[in-house]
């Protein structure tokens, strides 16, 4: 039986040998698609919450509990009275019944929560 490298110029013999090795290998397509990798096992006994809390409490940049006090008794001003506000300032608005209210985002950035009631309807503004 003739060898595959016979009749091949010497400079291409290494390439011919590599092609012969590849031809002898079983085809991956014949075997079908590779099985999906299994997800790593989940350790049911691992409780990451204490570690997460320790990390959160150790970083001085993180806020502590109740560090952003909610606004519980908001004071309102009419649109003409709110001269300190810029006309382009963002607000969060709510309409309940015939009452329309706007909560400035600049204030909500400092408090995040407003507990309010209008026309007997309690509601929460959350930013």
Protein backbone atom coordinates (compact mmCIF):
# COMPACT_ATOMS: atom_id res chain seq x y z
CA UNK A 1 0.00 0.00 0.00
CA UNK A 2 1.50 3.36 -0.96
CA UNK A 3 2.13 5.86 1.77
CA UNK A 4 0.23 9.14 1.62
CA UNK A 5 3.47 11.13 1.54
CA UNK A 6 4.69 9.38 -1.64
CA UNK A 7 4.62 11.68 -4.61
CA UNK A 8 4.32 14.73 -2.31
CA UNK A 9 7.09 17.31 -2.59
CA UNK A 10 9.29 17.29 0.53
CA UNK A 11 8.18 20.75 1.66
CA UNK A 12 4.54 19.56 1.88
CA UNK A 13 5.21 16.19 3.58
CA UNK A 14 4.58 17.56 7.09
CA UNK A 15 1.26 19.00 5.95
CA UNK A 16 0.34 15.71 4.27
CA UNK A 17 1.16 13.82 7.48
CA UNK A 18 -1.04 16.19 9.52
CA UNK A 19 -3.90 15.75 7.06
CA UNK A 20 -3.52 11.97 7.30
CA UNK A 21 -3.81 12.15 11.08
CA UNK A 22 -6.90 14.34 10.82
CA UNK A 23 -8.47 11.99 8.28
CA UNK A 24 -7.97 9.04 10.61
CA UNK A 25 -9.75 10.81 13.50
CA UNK A 26 -13.45 10.11 14.01
CA UNK A 27 -15.66 12.93 12.84
CA UNK A 28 -17.25 15.05 15.58
CA UNK A 29 -20.28 15.58 13.34
CA UNK A 30 -20.88 11.82 13.21
CA UNK A 31 -21.11 11.68 16.99
CA UNK A 32 -23.70 14.43 17.21
CA UNK A 33 -23.55 17.65 19.18
CA UNK A 34 -21.45 17.75 22.31
CA UNK A 35 -23.50 17.45 25.49
CA UNK A 36 -24.15 20.69 27.35
CA UNK A 37 -21.87 21.22 30.32
CA UNK A 38 -23.43 20.41 33.65
CA UNK A 39 -23.97 23.37 35.99
CA UNK A 40 -21.82 23.36 39.09
CA UNK A 41 -23.48 21.76 42.09
CA UNK A 42 -25.24 24.12 44.45
CA UNK A 43 -24.14 23.83 48.04
CA UNK A 44 -27.43 23.75 49.93
CA UNK A 45 -25.62 24.24 53.23
CA UNK A 46 -23.96 27.50 52.14
CA UNK A 47 -25.60 30.59 53.63
CA UNK A 48 -24.05 33.65 51.93
CA UNK A 49 -26.20 36.15 53.84
CA UNK A 50 -23.85 36.58 56.85
CA UNK A 51 -20.88 37.17 54.55
CA UNK A 52 -22.84 39.66 52.46
CA UNK A 53 -23.96 41.51 55.59
CA UNK A 54 -20.42 41.61 56.99
CA UNK A 55 -19.13 43.02 53.70
CA UNK A 56 -21.91 45.62 53.51
CA UNK A 57 -21.39 46.76 57.10
CA UNK A 58 -17.60 46.91 56.77
CA UNK A 59 -17.63 49.32 53.81
CA UNK A 60 -17.96 52.91 55.09
CA UNK A 61 -19.41 54.01 51.73
CA UNK A 62 -22.52 51.88 52.25
CA UNK A 63 -25.51 53.43 53.93
CA UNK A 64 -26.66 52.13 57.27
CA UNK A 65 -30.22 51.13 58.10
CA UNK A 66 -32.64 54.09 58.19
CA UNK A 67 -29.90 56.48 57.05
CA UNK A 68 -32.25 57.96 54.42
CA UNK A 69 -35.23 59.09 56.48
CA UNK A 70 -38.60 58.93 54.71
CA UNK A 71 -40.71 62.06 54.42
CA UNK A 72 -43.88 61.41 56.42
CA UNK A 73 -45.52 64.82 56.42
CA UNK A 74 -44.65 66.54 53.12
CA UNK A 75 -45.12 70.29 52.76
CA UNK A 76 -46.56 71.53 49.51
CA UNK A 77 -46.13 74.71 47.51
CA UNK A 78 -48.10 75.85 44.51
CA UNK A 79 -46.42 76.02 41.11
CA UNK A 80 -46.11 79.82 41.33
CA UNK A 81 -44.69 79.66 44.86
CA UNK A 82 -41.96 77.14 43.96
CA UNK A 83 -39.65 79.75 42.46
CA UNK A 84 -36.54 77.98 43.74
CA UNK A 85 -37.23 75.10 41.32
CA UNK A 86 -35.90 75.08 37.79
CA UNK A 87 -38.50 74.64 35.06
CA UNK A 88 -36.50 71.70 33.70
CA UNK A 89 -36.22 69.93 37.08
CA UNK A 90 -37.53 66.37 37.11
CA UNK A 91 -40.47 65.45 39.33
CA UNK A 92 -42.43 62.33 40.14
CA UNK A 93 -46.11 63.07 39.76
CA UNK A 94 -49.32 61.54 41.07
CA UNK A 95 -52.96 62.39 40.47
CA UNK A 96 -55.54 61.16 42.97
CA UNK A 97 -59.10 62.25 42.37
CA UNK A 98 -58.85 65.94 41.47
CA UNK A 99 -55.54 66.51 43.28
CA UNK A 100 -52.27 66.53 41.31
CA UNK A 101 -48.97 66.48 43.21
CA UNK A 102 -45.33 66.60 42.12
CA UNK A 103 -42.38 65.37 44.17
CA UNK A 104 -38.99 66.81 43.07
CA UNK A 105 -36.45 64.13 42.23
CA UNK A 106 -33.74 66.24 43.89
CA UNK A 107 -35.56 65.80 47.21
CA UNK A 108 -36.32 62.13 46.54
CA UNK A 109 -32.59 61.50 45.98
CA UNK A 110 -32.04 62.45 49.63
CA UNK A 111 -35.04 60.62 51.13
CA UNK A 112 -36.19 58.02 48.56
CA UNK A 113 -39.58 57.52 50.24
CA UNK A 114 -42.57 59.78 50.84
CA UNK A 115 -45.52 58.51 52.88
CA UNK A 116 -48.56 60.61 52.02
CA UNK A 117 -52.36 60.64 51.83
CA UNK A 118 -54.59 62.72 49.57
CA UNK A 119 -58.38 62.84 49.70
CA UNK A 120 -58.30 60.01 52.24
CA UNK A 121 -56.20 57.76 49.99
CA UNK A 122 -52.89 56.72 51.55
CA UNK A 123 -49.98 56.08 49.16
CA UNK A 124 -46.23 55.73 49.05
CA UNK A 125 -43.87 57.50 46.67
CA UNK A 126 -40.69 55.49 46.23
CA UNK A 127 -37.60 56.58 44.28
